[in-house]
Amino acid sequence: MWQIDKASGQMRPLIGVEGIREAYNAPRQVLPDVFWQTGHVDAIRPRAILEKNSMSGDVIMPLVIDVRYTIDIDTPADWQKSEWLVTDGGLEMVDPANQRRSLPEKVTTLLMDFDGVLTDNRVWVDENGKETVAANRSDSLGISILREKTGMEIMVVSREVNPVVAARCKKMNIPYLQAVNDKASALQKLFSERKIDPAGVVYMGNDTNDLPCFPLVGFTVAPADAHPEVLRRADRVTKLTGGHGAVRELCDFLLSRIK
């Protein structure tokens, strides 16, 4: 850190290091260890503030935080960089909203949303109102391999009312529930009727209407382009996006973990 002398305009180092000439030019490796204050945790006695008019008091003890968990925000640009680190940059962090669970030892059922999971969430509408979507053949092949090798039950649970859901699911030869406004209730009914243990269920969804289902199952997955809150709460996030191989990636993951 430097100060600029107002009279001469010259730069002056704020702090020197005894025994090291021009410490500001010295490589970090020869300087003593230094620490910067992150503001993660401040524990202050009330009397330090009320009686000494200080935010630290006279005796300051350290709580050293691993640099992998640190973000320093001083400007709006720092905020943008930090958001990127949290969402896309692989920052290691403790999130009280999400204590990620491990994949259950026995997975019996895979449930998936349709739009944004088996499609890229876009829809094409012609002048007559006919809707079409894009799907990924790699996803359907992954589902077929997973079902063949594990005997896993696979089903689509969708809020969408368009017949395209039924058409695609029939092509993939998997059962489906559509026009489902309350997915959580539909899942609870499904588990009861078919005597499915929720602990062995994996659920993949991409939007906020999928969130009520997350606590009901044993493991949850979100495509890479899911809603931020879904990404935050999912047990696993795929590298690929919805409709572009995210389901195949999940199928390959399950195949690699299931004995």
Protein backbone atom coordinates (compact mmCIF):
# COMPACT_ATOMS: atom_id res chain seq x y z
CA MET A 1 0.00 0.00 0.00
CA TRP A 2 1.26 3.46 -0.89
CA GLN A 3 0.63 7.08 -0.08
CA ILE A 4 1.18 9.95 -2.49
CA ASP A 5 2.93 12.97 -0.99
CA LYS A 6 0.75 15.99 -1.75
CA ALA A 7 3.65 18.43 -1.95
CA SER A 8 6.03 16.43 -4.16
CA GLY A 9 3.67 13.98 -5.76
CA GLN A 10 6.06 11.20 -4.86
CA MET A 11 4.96 7.79 -3.66
CA ARG A 12 5.77 6.72 -0.11
CA PRO A 13 5.29 3.17 1.22
CA LEU A 14 2.72 3.05 3.99
CA ILE A 15 4.58 0.29 5.84
CA GLY A 16 8.22 -0.76 5.79
CA VAL A 17 9.79 -4.05 6.86
CA GLU A 18 12.72 -3.91 9.23
CA GLY A 19 15.85 -5.47 7.75
CA ILE A 20 14.53 -5.57 4.19
CA ARG A 21 15.52 -2.62 2.01
CA GLU A 22 12.84 -1.66 -0.49
CA ALA A 23 10.44 -4.23 0.87
CA TYR A 24 7.89 -3.03 -1.70
CA ASN A 25 10.18 -4.43 -4.43
CA ALA A 26 11.01 -7.67 -2.63
CA PRO A 27 9.44 -10.96 -3.76
CA ARG A 28 6.69 -12.28 -1.55
CA GLN A 29 8.74 -15.32 -0.61
CA VAL A 30 11.31 -13.26 1.36
CA LEU A 31 8.74 -11.14 3.16
CA PRO A 32 7.23 -12.18 6.48
CA ASP A 33 3.80 -13.81 6.42
CA VAL A 34 1.04 -11.24 6.35
CA PHE A 35 -2.74 -11.58 6.67
CA TRP A 36 -5.58 -9.45 5.36
CA GLN A 37 -8.87 -8.93 7.11
CA THR A 38 -11.76 -10.58 5.32
CA GLY A 39 -14.62 -9.70 7.65
CA HIS A 40 -15.85 -13.30 7.75
CA VAL A 41 -16.13 -13.26 11.54
CA ASP A 42 -15.82 -10.37 13.99
CA ALA A 43 -16.32 -11.14 17.67
CA ILE A 44 -16.21 -7.93 19.71
CA ARG A 45 -16.92 -7.30 23.37
CA PRO A 46 -19.61 -4.64 23.80
CA ARG A 47 -17.40 -2.61 26.13
CA ALA A 48 -14.75 -2.23 23.41
CA ILE A 49 -17.34 -0.35 21.36
CA LEU A 50 -19.22 1.41 24.16
CA GLU A 51 -16.31 2.35 26.45
CA LYS A 52 -13.27 2.51 24.17
CA ASN A 53 -15.05 3.68 21.02
CA SER A 54 -13.21 0.95 19.13
CA MET A 55 -14.31 -1.76 16.72
CA SER A 56 -11.47 -4.04 17.77
CA GLY A 57 -10.25 -3.26 21.29
CA ASP A 58 -6.63 -3.47 22.36
CA VAL A 59 -6.10 -7.22 22.07
CA ILE A 60 -6.88 -8.70 18.63
CA MET A 61 -6.73 -12.45 18.15
CA PRO A 62 -6.81 -14.14 14.71
CA LEU A 63 -9.21 -16.63 13.22
CA VAL A 64 -7.37 -17.75 10.08
CA ILE A 65 -9.62 -18.60 7.12
CA ASP A 66 -8.43 -20.86 4.29
CA VAL A 67 -7.83 -18.72 1.19
CA ARG A 68 -10.01 -21.10 -0.85
CA TYR A 69 -13.06 -19.77 0.97
CA THR A 70 -12.34 -16.05 0.71
CA ILE A 71 -13.89 -13.31 -1.38
CA ASP A 72 -13.09 -9.62 -0.96
CA ILE A 73 -15.69 -7.13 -2.22
CA ASP A 74 -14.84 -3.45 -2.42
CA THR A 75 -16.43 -2.35 -5.71
CA PRO A 76 -19.42 -3.31 -7.88
CA ALA A 77 -16.97 -5.04 -10.24
CA ASP A 78 -15.71 -7.16 -7.32
CA TRP A 79 -19.31 -8.17 -6.67
CA GLN A 80 -19.75 -9.38 -10.25
CA LYS A 81 -16.51 -11.36 -10.11
CA SER A 82 -17.55 -12.89 -6.80
CA GLU A 83 -20.95 -13.92 -8.14
CA TRP A 84 -19.21 -15.65 -11.02
CA LEU A 85 -16.92 -17.49 -8.60
CA VAL A 86 -19.93 -18.71 -6.61
CA THR A 87 -22.07 -19.79 -9.57
CA ASP A 88 -19.53 -20.86 -12.21
CA GLY A 89 -16.00 -20.55 -10.85
CA GLY A 90 -15.97 -23.53 -8.52
CA LEU A 91 -15.50 -21.54 -5.31
CA GLU A 92 -15.45 -23.87 -2.32
CA MET A 93 -17.98 -22.55 0.15
CA VAL A 94 -20.32 -23.51 2.93
CA ASP A 95 -23.91 -22.71 1.98
CA PRO A 96 -26.41 -23.01 4.84
CA ALA A 97 -29.20 -23.44 2.29
CA ASN A 98 -27.62 -26.53 0.84
CA GLN A 99 -25.90 -29.34 2.65
CA ARG A 100 -25.28 -31.57 -0.36
CA ARG A 101 -26.10 -35.22 0.10
CA SER A 102 -24.30 -38.23 -1.31
CA LEU A 103 -25.91 -40.50 -3.86
CA PRO A 104 -27.98 -43.20 -2.08
CA GLU A 105 -26.40 -46.63 -1.96
CA LYS A 106 -29.43 -48.06 -3.74
CA VAL A 107 -31.10 -46.00 -6.48
CA THR A 108 -34.36 -47.50 -7.69
CA THR A 109 -36.08 -44.63 -9.49
CA LEU A 110 -35.18 -41.66 -11.69
CA LEU A 111 -37.75 -38.88 -12.03
CA MET A 112 -37.26 -35.97 -14.41
CA ASP A 113 -38.89 -32.75 -15.41
CA PHE A 114 -39.41 -32.33 -19.17
CA ASP A 115 -38.90 -28.71 -20.22
CA GLY A 116 -35.38 -27.54 -19.44
CA VAL A 117 -34.21 -31.08 -18.67
CA LEU A 118 -35.05 -33.22 -21.69
CA THR A 119 -35.33 -30.03 -23.77
CA ASP A 120 -33.36 -26.77 -23.80
CA ASN A 121 -36.44 -24.98 -22.39
CA ARG A 122 -37.22 -23.22 -25.66
CA VAL A 123 -40.39 -23.72 -27.70
CA TRP A 124 -41.10 -22.95 -31.36
CA VAL A 125 -44.62 -21.72 -32.17
CA ASP A 126 -45.93 -21.44 -35.73
CA GLU A 127 -48.68 -19.15 -36.98
CA ASN A 128 -51.28 -21.78 -36.13
CA GLY A 129 -50.15 -22.07 -32.53
CA LYS A 130 -48.50 -25.46 -32.97
CA GLU A 131 -45.61 -25.90 -30.55
CA THR A 132 -42.45 -27.91 -31.13
CA VAL A 133 -39.38 -28.48 -28.96
CA ALA A 134 -35.86 -29.81 -29.45
CA ALA A 135 -34.65 -32.95 -27.69
CA ASN A 136 -31.31 -34.73 -27.58
CA ARG A 137 -30.91 -38.28 -28.90
CA SER A 138 -27.94 -38.76 -26.58
CA ASP A 139 -30.28 -38.29 -23.62
CA SER A 140 -32.72 -40.93 -24.86
CA LEU A 141 -29.87 -43.38 -25.52
CA GLY A 142 -28.52 -42.78 -22.02
CA ILE A 143 -31.96 -43.49 -20.53
CA SER A 144 -32.23 -46.70 -22.55
CA ILE A 145 -28.79 -47.92 -21.43
CA LEU A 146 -29.44 -47.03 -17.80
CA ARG A 147 -32.76 -48.86 -17.74
CA GLU A 148 -31.33 -51.89 -19.54
CA LYS A 149 -28.33 -52.26 -17.23
CA THR A 150 -29.96 -51.44 -13.91
CA GLY A 151 -33.69 -52.12 -14.29
CA MET A 152 -34.28 -48.66 -12.84
CA GLU A 153 -37.76 -47.14 -13.00
CA ILE A 154 -37.63 -43.92 -15.06
CA MET A 155 -40.48 -41.43 -15.37
CA VAL A 156 -41.12 -37.87 -16.51
CA VAL A 157 -43.13 -35.53 -14.30
CA SER A 158 -44.07 -32.35 -16.16
CA ARG A 159 -46.26 -29.31 -15.69
CA GLU A 160 -46.49 -28.91 -19.46
CA VAL A 161 -49.90 -29.65 -21.04
CA ASN A 162 -48.74 -29.80 -24.66
CA PRO A 163 -48.99 -33.29 -26.27
CA VAL A 164 -45.29 -33.03 -27.17
CA VAL A 165 -44.48 -34.43 -23.69
CA ALA A 166 -46.50 -37.57 -24.33
CA ALA A 167 -45.13 -37.93 -27.86
CA ARG A 168 -41.51 -37.74 -26.74
CA CYS A 169 -41.98 -40.02 -23.74
CA LYS A 170 -43.75 -42.63 -25.86
CA LYS A 171 -40.85 -42.47 -28.32
CA MET A 172 -38.44 -43.13 -25.43
CA ASN A 173 -40.79 -45.77 -24.01
CA ILE A 174 -40.93 -44.25 -20.55
CA PRO A 175 -44.03 -43.46 -18.46
CA TYR A 176 -44.99 -39.87 -17.78
CA LEU A 177 -47.23 -37.58 -15.76
CA GLN A 178 -48.07 -34.26 -17.38
CA ALA A 179 -50.22 -31.23 -16.64
CA VAL A 180 -49.04 -31.61 -13.04
CA ASN A 181 -49.40 -28.30 -11.18
CA ASP A 182 -48.40 -29.64 -7.77
CA LYS A 183 -45.44 -31.91 -8.36
CA ALA A 184 -44.77 -32.56 -4.67
CA SER A 185 -48.27 -33.95 -4.13
CA ALA A 186 -47.99 -35.98 -7.32
CA LEU A 187 -44.73 -37.52 -6.10
CA GLN A 188 -46.16 -38.37 -2.70
CA LYS A 189 -49.13 -40.05 -4.35
CA LEU A 190 -46.83 -41.92 -6.74
CA PHE A 191 -44.64 -43.17 -3.91
CA SER A 192 -47.67 -44.36 -1.97
CA GLU A 193 -49.41 -46.10 -4.86
CA ARG A 194 -46.31 -47.84 -6.16
CA LYS A 195 -44.70 -48.41 -2.76
CA ILE A 196 -41.54 -46.58 -3.78
CA ASP A 197 -39.00 -45.78 -1.08
CA PRO A 198 -38.27 -42.02 -1.54
CA ALA A 199 -34.74 -42.55 -0.21
CA GLY A 200 -33.88 -44.41 -3.42
CA VAL A 201 -35.29 -41.77 -5.77
CA VAL A 202 -33.19 -39.38 -7.86
CA TYR A 203 -35.02 -36.29 -9.12
CA MET A 204 -33.78 -33.96 -11.87
CA GLY A 205 -35.38 -30.55 -12.26
CA ASN A 206 -34.45 -27.11 -13.53
CA ASP A 207 -36.90 -24.52 -12.20
CA THR A 208 -38.43 -23.29 -8.97
CA ASN A 209 -41.57 -25.41 -9.33
CA ASP A 210 -39.29 -28.44 -8.90
CA LEU A 211 -37.95 -27.27 -5.54
CA PRO A 212 -40.85 -28.66 -3.42
CA CYS A 213 -39.88 -32.10 -4.73
CA PHE A 214 -36.28 -31.86 -3.56
CA PRO A 215 -36.85 -32.66 0.14
CA LEU A 216 -39.06 -35.63 -0.77
CA VAL A 217 -36.37 -37.70 -2.52
CA GLY A 218 -32.96 -39.12 -1.73
CA PHE A 219 -30.90 -37.17 -4.27
CA THR A 220 -31.45 -34.21 -6.57
CA VAL A 221 -29.77 -33.06 -9.78
CA ALA A 222 -29.95 -29.83 -11.78
CA PRO A 223 -28.76 -29.08 -15.33
CA ALA A 224 -26.00 -26.49 -15.59
CA ASP A 225 -28.42 -23.80 -16.84
CA ALA A 226 -31.09 -24.33 -14.17
CA HIS A 227 -32.57 -21.48 -12.13
CA PRO A 228 -29.97 -20.12 -9.65
CA GLU A 229 -31.96 -21.26 -6.61
CA VAL A 230 -32.25 -24.76 -8.06
CA LEU A 231 -28.49 -24.82 -8.67
CA ARG A 232 -27.99 -23.75 -5.08
CA ARG A 233 -30.14 -26.48 -3.59
CA ALA A 234 -29.37 -29.44 -5.85
CA ASP A 235 -27.14 -32.23 -4.58
CA ARG A 236 -25.39 -32.35 -7.93
CA VAL A 237 -25.16 -30.00 -10.91
CA THR A 238 -24.31 -31.38 -14.34
CA LYS A 239 -21.68 -29.79 -16.55
CA LEU A 240 -24.03 -29.92 -19.54
CA THR A 241 -27.23 -27.91 -19.98
CA GLY A 242 -30.81 -29.05 -20.36
CA GLY A 243 -31.57 -30.54 -23.77
CA HIS A 244 -27.87 -30.67 -24.57
CA GLY A 245 -26.81 -33.88 -22.88
CA ALA A 246 -27.48 -33.15 -19.20
CA VAL A 247 -29.66 -36.25 -18.86
CA ARG A 248 -27.07 -38.43 -20.60
CA GLU A 249 -24.43 -37.04 -18.23
CA LEU A 250 -26.62 -38.00 -15.27
CA CYS A 251 -27.25 -41.49 -16.69
CA ASP A 252 -23.50 -42.02 -17.15
CA PHE A 253 -22.91 -40.81 -13.59
CA LEU A 254 -25.48 -43.24 -12.19
CA LEU A 255 -24.05 -46.10 -14.22
CA SER A 256 -20.57 -45.34 -12.87
CA ARG A 257 -21.79 -45.39 -9.28
CA ILE A 258 -24.32 -48.19 -9.26
CA LYS A 259 -22.91 -51.65 -8.74
